[in-house]
Amino acid sequence: MTGKTSKKSAKSAAKPTLLAGGNPQIAKADGDAPVQAYIAAMPGWKSDVGRRLDALIVRTVPGVSKAVKWNSPFYGVEGQGWFLAFHCFAKYVKVTFFHGTSLRPVPPGESKQKDTRYLDIHEDDTLDEELVASWIRQASELPGWAP
C-alpha cells in the first residue's frame, strides 16, 4: 500500500456520510464540537446557512447548550430543555421551533406536533435575521422540549 492510498483512505474515513437529502450523519454528542462537525459536513450552500444560524443563536442566547441528536444540531438552555433544532433536506434546511405556536408571529411551517412550527430555508431565500433572532429569543425563554 502506498502513502497516497492510506492518506486518501484516512481522509475518506474522516468525512461524515451524507444521509437522504444530504443530511450529515454525526454521532450523538453534547457540546459545540459535534455541532460544528455537522455544520462543516452540510453540503454546498446549506453549510453557509448552518453557520449563519449557529452564529445567530449564539449571539441571541449567550451560553446556549448544544448537542447533535438524531443527526441534527439541537440548541437549548441548561435546565429548560431544547428550544430549536435544524436538519438538512434535499432542497432546504428545516429549522424546528419545538414550541413554535407560542412565538409571535408564529413561524410559517405547520407540524403534526401541535406545538411545533418550522421555518424552511431554501438556497435563494433571504433570511430575515431580525425576525429569526426574535423567534430564537422567544423560544429560548420558554420551557424547552425534553426527549
Protein backbone atom coordinates (compact mmCIF):
# COMPACT_ATOMS: atom_id res chain seq x y z
CA MET A 1 0.00 0.00 0.00
CA THR A 2 1.36 3.44 -0.88
CA GLY A 3 1.34 6.55 1.31
CA LYS A 4 -1.11 8.18 -1.11
CA THR A 5 -3.70 5.47 -0.71
CA SER A 6 -3.53 5.46 3.08
CA LYS A 7 -3.82 9.27 3.21
CA LYS A 8 -6.81 9.11 0.89
CA SER A 9 -8.39 6.34 2.98
CA ALA A 10 -7.85 8.28 6.20
CA LYS A 11 -9.38 11.40 4.63
CA SER A 12 -12.39 9.43 3.36
CA ALA A 13 -12.89 7.78 6.73
CA ALA A 14 -12.95 11.17 8.47
CA LYS A 15 -15.62 12.60 6.16
CA PRO A 16 -19.16 12.02 7.53
CA THR A 17 -21.66 10.06 5.50
CA LEU A 18 -24.47 12.09 3.96
CA LEU A 19 -27.87 10.54 4.53
CA ALA A 20 -31.04 11.09 2.49
CA GLY A 21 -31.37 14.68 1.34
CA GLY A 22 -27.71 15.38 2.14
CA ASN A 23 -28.14 15.33 5.91
CA PRO A 24 -24.77 14.63 7.62
CA GLN A 25 -24.55 11.54 9.81
CA ILE A 26 -22.88 12.74 13.01
CA ALA A 27 -22.73 10.66 16.19
CA LYS A 28 -24.86 11.82 19.13
CA ALA A 29 -22.79 14.04 21.40
CA ASP A 30 -23.09 17.12 23.59
CA GLY A 31 -21.23 20.39 23.02
CA ASP A 32 -20.12 22.74 20.29
CA ALA A 33 -17.64 20.38 18.57
CA PRO A 34 -20.23 17.90 17.18
CA VAL A 35 -22.46 20.79 16.08
CA GLN A 36 -19.52 22.38 14.23
CA ALA A 37 -18.72 18.98 12.64
CA TYR A 38 -22.34 18.73 11.46
CA ILE A 39 -22.28 22.27 10.02
CA ALA A 40 -18.95 21.64 8.26
CA ALA A 41 -20.38 18.48 6.68
CA MET A 42 -23.58 20.17 5.43
CA PRO A 43 -23.39 20.05 1.62
CA GLY A 44 -22.91 23.19 -0.52
CA TRP A 45 -24.89 26.32 0.33
CA LYS A 46 -26.50 24.59 3.33
CA SER A 47 -23.23 24.83 5.29
CA ASP A 48 -23.40 28.65 5.00
CA VAL A 49 -26.98 28.55 6.30
CA GLY A 50 -25.85 26.35 9.20
CA ARG A 51 -23.02 28.74 10.10
CA ARG A 52 -25.37 31.75 9.96
CA LEU A 53 -27.99 30.01 12.12
CA ASP A 54 -25.40 28.86 14.66
CA ALA A 55 -23.87 32.37 14.92
CA LEU A 56 -27.32 33.96 15.25
CA ILE A 57 -28.31 31.52 18.01
CA VAL A 58 -25.04 32.06 19.92
CA ARG A 59 -25.42 35.87 19.65
CA THR A 60 -29.07 35.77 20.72
CA VAL A 61 -28.73 33.24 23.56
CA PRO A 62 -25.33 33.62 25.28
CA GLY A 63 -24.30 30.34 26.95
CA VAL A 64 -26.65 28.26 24.79
CA SER A 65 -26.30 24.48 25.20
CA LYS A 66 -25.59 22.50 22.03
CA ALA A 67 -25.72 18.86 21.02
CA VAL A 68 -26.17 16.62 17.99
CA LYS A 69 -29.06 14.19 18.38
CA TRP A 70 -30.75 12.16 15.64
CA ASN A 71 -28.34 13.65 13.07
CA SER A 72 -29.46 17.22 13.81
CA PRO A 73 -27.96 20.09 15.84
CA PHE A 74 -30.05 20.92 18.92
CA TYR A 75 -29.94 24.15 20.94
CA GLY A 76 -31.23 24.58 24.46
CA VAL A 77 -30.98 26.28 27.80
CA GLU A 78 -29.49 24.31 30.70
CA GLY A 79 -32.29 23.02 32.93
CA GLN A 80 -35.02 24.06 30.47
CA GLY A 81 -34.63 21.61 27.55
CA TRP A 82 -34.21 22.12 23.80
CA PHE A 83 -35.87 25.04 22.04
CA LEU A 84 -34.60 24.64 18.45
CA ALA A 85 -33.03 22.16 16.02
CA PHE A 86 -32.28 22.14 12.30
CA HIS A 87 -31.95 19.43 9.68
CA CYS A 88 -30.83 19.18 6.02
CA PHE A 89 -33.26 18.11 3.33
CA ALA A 90 -32.55 17.87 -0.40
CA LYS A 91 -33.75 21.40 -1.28
CA TYR A 92 -33.83 23.24 2.07
CA VAL A 93 -32.75 23.44 5.69
CA LYS A 94 -35.63 22.92 8.13
CA VAL A 95 -35.46 24.90 11.38
CA THR A 96 -37.65 23.42 14.13
CA PHE A 97 -39.06 25.55 16.92
CA PHE A 98 -40.35 22.99 19.43
CA HIS A 99 -42.83 25.45 20.99
CA GLY A 100 -43.29 27.48 17.82
CA THR A 101 -47.02 28.04 18.27
CA SER A 102 -46.15 30.24 21.29
CA LEU A 103 -43.93 32.53 19.19
CA ARG A 104 -45.13 35.84 17.71
CA PRO A 105 -45.51 35.97 14.84
CA VAL A 106 -45.92 32.21 14.55
CA PRO A 107 -43.30 30.63 12.20
CA PRO A 108 -44.92 29.63 8.88
CA GLY A 109 -44.41 25.85 8.70
CA GLU A 110 -47.05 23.68 10.33
CA SER A 111 -46.27 20.37 12.02
CA LYS A 112 -48.12 17.22 13.01
CA GLN A 113 -46.93 18.05 16.56
CA LYS A 114 -49.41 20.62 17.90
CA ASP A 115 -46.80 22.96 19.48
CA THR A 116 -44.05 22.65 16.84
CA ARG A 117 -43.56 25.07 13.94
CA TYR A 118 -40.98 25.13 11.16
CA LEU A 119 -39.04 27.58 9.04
CA ASP A 120 -37.76 26.13 5.75
CA ILE A 121 -34.74 27.94 4.29
CA HIS A 122 -34.11 27.41 0.56
CA GLU A 123 -30.94 28.28 -1.36
CA ASP A 124 -32.09 31.62 -2.75
CA ASP A 125 -34.11 32.75 0.29
CA THR A 126 -33.24 35.99 2.04
CA LEU A 127 -33.02 35.20 5.74
CA ASP A 128 -34.75 37.83 7.88
CA GLU A 129 -32.19 37.65 10.70
CA GLU A 130 -34.09 40.13 12.87
CA LEU A 131 -37.26 38.01 12.75
CA VAL A 132 -35.37 34.73 13.22
CA ALA A 133 -33.43 36.23 16.17
CA SER A 134 -36.76 37.30 17.70
CA TRP A 135 -38.08 33.73 17.38
CA ILE A 136 -34.84 32.35 18.85
CA ARG A 137 -35.00 34.74 21.82
CA GLN A 138 -38.68 33.98 22.45
CA ALA A 139 -38.16 30.22 22.10
CA SER A 140 -35.19 30.26 24.49
CA GLU A 141 -37.34 31.89 27.18
CA LEU A 142 -39.98 29.11 27.06
CA PRO A 143 -39.75 25.73 28.76
CA GLY A 144 -37.92 23.56 26.23
CA TRP A 145 -38.54 20.11 24.82
CA ALA A 146 -37.01 17.19 26.69
CA PRO A 147 -36.85 13.87 24.79
